[in-house]
Amino acid sequence: MQPILKTIRFRLNGEPVATQVATHENVVEALQRLGLHGARESCGQGLCGCCTVLVDGNAVSGCLYFAVQLEGASVETIERQQPAGGLDEVQQAFAECGAFQCGFCTPGFVLMSRALLDRNPDPSEDDIRHYLSGNLCRCATYPEVIRAVKLAAARRKVRP
């Protein structure tokens, strides 16, 4: 039986995209077909955060979110280009604090941290722990991640 295909249109990292997706396809699968591999399906149950993408500014589990739901949405992935090609505050803080080891979970943590700081520019350590509780790191870089989010928050306060 052939899958049912639907053409969807949305903004991907600021650029308009039109693509065909199978109605059962999840966001991670669709992004991978588009050449973006930063969101990774790991648990397939929305429990680890490795597949995190931002849809209209909200962090979602790409393994549970159907690609057809992206119609008309604005989607941000870890591959988003920064102005002047540099790193944003969150990415820079993660690098400086060593908030990653193998890097498998890092894209999800970075996107969740961006979403947190967009909603709460001055989070407490408890706020950070709670917001990022759905992201798992097998290398256990949690203390470094918390330091990185605090550093990014501080830098966002002083940016022009």
C-alpha atoms as a PDB file:
ATOM      1  CA  MET A   1       0.000   0.000   0.000  1.00  0.00           C
ATOM      2  CA  GLN A   2       1.344   3.416  -0.968  1.00  0.00           C
ATOM      3  CA  PRO A   3       1.588   6.048   1.789  1.00  0.00           C
ATOM      4  CA  ILE A   4      -0.711   9.041   1.526  1.00  0.00           C
ATOM      5  CA  LEU A   5       1.369  12.109   0.643  1.00  0.00           C
ATOM      6  CA  LYS A   6       0.548  15.707   1.406  1.00  0.00           C
ATOM      7  CA  THR A   7       2.352  18.872   0.349  1.00  0.00           C
ATOM      8  CA  ILE A   8       3.069  21.174   3.270  1.00  0.00           C
ATOM      9  CA  ARG A   9       4.432  24.712   3.317  1.00  0.00           C
ATOM     10  CA  PHE A  10       6.214  26.232   6.287  1.00  0.00           C
ATOM     11  CA  ARG A  11       9.218  28.356   7.249  1.00  0.00           C
ATOM     12  CA  LEU A  12      12.335  26.385   8.126  1.00  0.00           C
ATOM     13  CA  ASN A  13      15.070  28.350   9.862  1.00  0.00           C
ATOM     14  CA  GLY A  14      13.632  31.512   8.335  1.00  0.00           C
ATOM     15  CA  GLU A  15      13.315  30.203   4.776  1.00  0.00           C
ATOM     16  CA  PRO A  16      10.079  29.167   3.026  1.00  0.00           C
ATOM     17  CA  VAL A  17       9.857  25.435   2.332  1.00  0.00           C
ATOM     18  CA  ALA A  18       7.387  23.296   0.419  1.00  0.00           C
ATOM     19  CA  THR A  19       7.775  19.537   0.625  1.00  0.00           C
ATOM     20  CA  GLN A  20       5.752  16.376   0.389  1.00  0.00           C
ATOM     21  CA  VAL A  21       5.388  14.261   3.504  1.00  0.00           C
ATOM     22  CA  ALA A  22       3.643  11.015   4.259  1.00  0.00           C
ATOM     23  CA  THR A  23       0.744  11.562   6.633  1.00  0.00           C
ATOM     24  CA  HIS A  24       2.335   9.188   9.177  1.00  0.00           C
ATOM     25  CA  GLU A  25       5.816  10.796   8.946  1.00  0.00           C
ATOM     26  CA  ASN A  26       7.209  12.580  11.992  1.00  0.00           C
ATOM     27  CA  VAL A  27       9.136  15.858  11.991  1.00  0.00           C
ATOM     28  CA  VAL A  28      12.535  14.198  12.463  1.00  0.00           C
ATOM     29  CA  GLU A  29      11.998  12.028   9.383  1.00  0.00           C
ATOM     30  CA  ALA A  30      10.893  15.016   7.303  1.00  0.00           C
ATOM     31  CA  LEU A  31      13.844  17.140   8.429  1.00  0.00           C
ATOM     32  CA  GLN A  32      16.292  14.362   7.636  1.00  0.00           C
ATOM     33  CA  ARG A  33      14.870  14.089   4.114  1.00  0.00           C
ATOM     34  CA  LEU A  34      15.495  17.838   3.825  1.00  0.00           C
ATOM     35  CA  GLY A  35      19.144  17.281   4.797  1.00  0.00           C
ATOM     36  CA  LEU A  36      18.927  18.442   8.423  1.00  0.00           C
ATOM     37  CA  HIS A  37      20.216  15.878  10.908  1.00  0.00           C
ATOM     38  CA  GLY A  38      20.567  17.872  14.153  1.00  0.00           C
ATOM     39  CA  ALA A  39      17.266  16.609  15.580  1.00  0.00           C
ATOM     40  CA  ARG A  40      17.854  12.947  16.316  1.00  0.00           C
ATOM     41  CA  GLU A  41      15.292  10.301  17.099  1.00  0.00           C
ATOM     42  CA  SER A  42      16.593   8.345  20.049  1.00  0.00           C
ATOM     43  CA  CYS A  43      13.838   7.044  22.315  1.00  0.00           C
ATOM     44  CA  GLY A  44      10.942   7.465  19.872  1.00  0.00           C
ATOM     45  CA  GLN A  45       8.667   8.271  22.820  1.00  0.00           C
ATOM     46  CA  GLY A  46       9.274  11.961  23.510  1.00  0.00           C
ATOM     47  CA  LEU A  47      11.214  11.180  26.687  1.00  0.00           C
ATOM     48  CA  CYS A  48      14.819  12.115  25.911  1.00  0.00           C
ATOM     49  CA  GLY A  49      14.790  15.518  24.172  1.00  0.00           C
ATOM     50  CA  CYS A  50      17.244  14.549  21.409  1.00  0.00           C
ATOM     51  CA  CYS A  51      14.637  15.279  18.739  1.00  0.00           C
ATOM     52  CA  THR A  52      13.687  18.739  20.014  1.00  0.00           C
ATOM     53  CA  VAL A  53      12.780  21.394  17.450  1.00  0.00           C
ATOM     54  CA  LEU A  54      11.053  24.734  17.935  1.00  0.00           C
ATOM     55  CA  VAL A  55       7.684  25.110  16.234  1.00  0.00           C
ATOM     56  CA  ASP A  56       6.330  28.654  16.441  1.00  0.00           C
ATOM     57  CA  GLY A  57       8.725  29.182  19.350  1.00  0.00           C
ATOM     58  CA  ASN A  58       7.532  26.157  21.306  1.00  0.00           C
ATOM     59  CA  ALA A  59       9.854  23.234  21.983  1.00  0.00           C
ATOM     60  CA  VAL A  60       8.328  20.016  20.657  1.00  0.00           C
ATOM     61  CA  SER A  61       9.446  16.405  20.440  1.00  0.00           C
ATOM     62  CA  GLY A  62      10.066  15.861  16.740  1.00  0.00           C
ATOM     63  CA  CYS A  63       9.610  12.109  17.125  1.00  0.00           C
ATOM     64  CA  LEU A  64       6.007  12.578  18.285  1.00  0.00           C
ATOM     65  CA  TYR A  65       5.001  15.568  16.174  1.00  0.00           C
ATOM     66  CA  PHE A  66       3.575  14.721  12.755  1.00  0.00           C
ATOM     67  CA  ALA A  67       5.222  16.553   9.877  1.00  0.00           C
ATOM     68  CA  VAL A  68       1.805  17.472   8.421  1.00  0.00           C
ATOM     69  CA  GLN A  69       1.271  19.605  11.547  1.00  0.00           C
ATOM     70  CA  LEU A  70       4.023  21.940  10.323  1.00  0.00           C
ATOM     71  CA  GLU A  71       1.705  23.433   7.686  1.00  0.00           C
ATOM     72  CA  GLY A  72       2.001  27.231   8.009  1.00  0.00           C
ATOM     73  CA  ALA A  73       4.342  27.013  11.012  1.00  0.00           C
ATOM     74  CA  SER A  74       7.747  28.501  11.650  1.00  0.00           C
ATOM     75  CA  VAL A  75      10.275  25.774  12.491  1.00  0.00           C
ATOM     76  CA  GLU A  76      13.703  26.311  14.012  1.00  0.00           C
ATOM     77  CA  THR A  77      16.348  23.613  14.200  1.00  0.00           C
ATOM     78  CA  ILE A  78      19.876  23.579  15.547  1.00  0.00           C
ATOM     79  CA  GLU A  79      21.057  24.236  11.981  1.00  0.00           C
ATOM     80  CA  ARG A  80      19.613  27.765  12.059  1.00  0.00           C
ATOM     81  CA  GLN A  81      22.212  30.214  10.762  1.00  0.00           C
ATOM     82  CA  GLN A  82      23.250  32.954  13.144  1.00  0.00           C
ATOM     83  CA  PRO A  83      23.679  36.570  12.083  1.00  0.00           C
ATOM     84  CA  ALA A  84      27.261  37.055  10.859  1.00  0.00           C
ATOM     85  CA  GLY A  85      27.734  33.267  10.969  1.00  0.00           C
ATOM     86  CA  GLY A  86      28.677  33.147  14.665  1.00  0.00           C
ATOM     87  CA  LEU A  87      27.223  31.346  17.639  1.00  0.00           C
ATOM     88  CA  ASP A  88      24.304  32.694  19.651  1.00  0.00           C
ATOM     89  CA  GLU A  89      24.569  33.214  23.416  1.00  0.00           C
ATOM     90  CA  VAL A  90      23.331  29.714  24.228  1.00  0.00           C
ATOM     91  CA  GLN A  91      25.660  27.933  21.811  1.00  0.00           C
ATOM     92  CA  GLN A  92      28.644  30.010  22.950  1.00  0.00           C
ATOM     93  CA  ALA A  93      27.870  29.346  26.620  1.00  0.00           C
ATOM     94  CA  PHE A  94      27.555  25.601  25.985  1.00  0.00           C
ATOM     95  CA  ALA A  95      30.972  25.633  24.301  1.00  0.00           C
ATOM     96  CA  GLU A  96      32.629  27.689  27.044  1.00  0.00           C
ATOM     97  CA  CYS A  97      31.123  25.643  29.889  1.00  0.00           C
ATOM     98  CA  GLY A  98      31.846  22.279  28.278  1.00  0.00           C
ATOM     99  CA  ALA A  99      28.130  21.479  28.429  1.00  0.00           C
ATOM    100  CA  PHE A 100      28.494  18.504  26.112  1.00  0.00           C
ATOM    101  CA  GLN A 101      30.711  15.480  25.632  1.00  0.00           C
ATOM    102  CA  CYS A 102      29.564  13.174  22.861  1.00  0.00           C
ATOM    103  CA  GLY A 103      27.213  15.858  21.483  1.00  0.00           C
ATOM    104  CA  PHE A 104      24.290  13.562  20.724  1.00  0.00           C
ATOM    105  CA  CYS A 105      21.900  15.374  23.091  1.00  0.00           C
ATOM    106  CA  THR A 106      23.376  18.863  22.641  1.00  0.00           C
ATOM    107  CA  PRO A 107      21.048  20.128  19.877  1.00  0.00           C
ATOM    108  CA  GLY A 108      18.000  19.323  22.011  1.00  0.00           C
ATOM    109  CA  PHE A 109      19.490  20.972  25.090  1.00  0.00           C
ATOM    110  CA  VAL A 110      20.434  24.100  23.126  1.00  0.00           C
ATOM    111  CA  LEU A 111      16.961  24.488  21.625  1.00  0.00           C
ATOM    112  CA  MET A 112      15.220  23.817  24.958  1.00  0.00           C
ATOM    113  CA  SER A 113      17.520  26.364  26.610  1.00  0.00           C
ATOM    114  CA  ARG A 114      16.653  28.963  23.946  1.00  0.00           C
ATOM    115  CA  ALA A 115      12.952  28.314  24.509  1.00  0.00           C
ATOM    116  CA  LEU A 116      13.408  28.640  28.267  1.00  0.00           C
ATOM    117  CA  LEU A 117      15.307  31.925  28.017  1.00  0.00           C
ATOM    118  CA  ASP A 118      12.753  33.322  25.566  1.00  0.00           C
ATOM    119  CA  ARG A 119      10.054  32.694  28.186  1.00  0.00           C
ATOM    120  CA  ASN A 120      12.068  33.357  31.330  1.00  0.00           C
ATOM    121  CA  PRO A 121      15.085  35.614  30.766  1.00  0.00           C
ATOM    122  CA  ASP A 122      16.307  35.190  34.356  1.00  0.00           C
ATOM    123  CA  PRO A 123      15.659  31.563  35.384  1.00  0.00           C
ATOM    124  CA  SER A 124      16.671  30.182  38.755  1.00  0.00           C
ATOM    125  CA  GLU A 125      18.587  26.930  38.950  1.00  0.00           C
ATOM    126  CA  ASP A 126      15.313  25.192  39.867  1.00  0.00           C
ATOM    127  CA  ASP A 127      13.622  26.755  36.815  1.00  0.00           C
ATOM    128  CA  ILE A 128      16.412  25.462  34.577  1.00  0.00           C
ATOM    129  CA  ARG A 129      16.324  21.979  36.103  1.00  0.00           C
ATOM    130  CA  HIS A 130      12.542  21.793  35.742  1.00  0.00           C
ATOM    131  CA  TYR A 131      12.425  23.110  32.168  1.00  0.00           C
ATOM    132  CA  LEU A 132      15.217  20.820  30.975  1.00  0.00           C
ATOM    133  CA  SER A 133      14.007  17.771  32.918  1.00  0.00           C
ATOM    134  CA  GLY A 134      12.765  16.140  29.709  1.00  0.00           C
ATOM    135  CA  ASN A 135      16.245  16.161  28.164  1.00  0.00           C
ATOM    136  CA  LEU A 136      18.577  13.290  28.912  1.00  0.00           C
ATOM    137  CA  CYS A 137      22.364  13.255  28.653  1.00  0.00           C
ATOM    138  CA  ARG A 138      24.079   9.889  28.902  1.00  0.00           C
ATOM    139  CA  CYS A 139      27.405  11.650  29.520  1.00  0.00           C
ATOM    140  CA  ALA A 140      25.903  13.430  32.575  1.00  0.00           C
ATOM    141  CA  THR A 141      26.878  17.002  31.707  1.00  0.00           C
ATOM    142  CA  TYR A 142      23.974  18.383  33.733  1.00  0.00           C
ATOM    143  CA  PRO A 143      26.024  20.711  36.008  1.00  0.00           C
ATOM    144  CA  GLU A 144      27.742  22.194  32.947  1.00  0.00           C
ATOM    145  CA  VAL A 145      24.403  22.625  31.169  1.00  0.00           C
ATOM    146  CA  ILE A 146      22.998  24.557  34.130  1.00  0.00           C
ATOM    147  CA  ARG A 147      26.096  26.790  34.201  1.00  0.00           C
ATOM    148  CA  ALA A 148      25.769  27.342  30.444  1.00  0.00           C
ATOM    149  CA  VAL A 149      22.118  28.390  30.689  1.00  0.00           C
ATOM    150  CA  LYS A 150      22.947  30.815  33.512  1.00  0.00           C
ATOM    151  CA  LEU A 151      25.820  32.269  31.466  1.00  0.00           C
ATOM    152  CA  ALA A 152      23.624  32.619  28.374  1.00  0.00           C
ATOM    153  CA  ALA A 153      20.934  34.341  30.440  1.00  0.00           C
ATOM    154  CA  ALA A 154      23.480  36.808  31.795  1.00  0.00           C
ATOM    155  CA  ARG A 155      24.771  37.540  28.299  1.00  0.00           C
ATOM    156  CA  ARG A 156      21.290  38.071  26.925  1.00  0.00           C
ATOM    157  CA  LYS A 157      20.696  40.730  29.571  1.00  0.00           C
ATOM    158  CA  VAL A 158      23.594  42.828  28.318  1.00  0.00           C
ATOM    159  CA  ARG A 159      23.330  42.323  24.554  1.00  0.00           C
ATOM    160  CA  PRO A 160      22.558  45.425  22.514  1.00  0.00           C
END
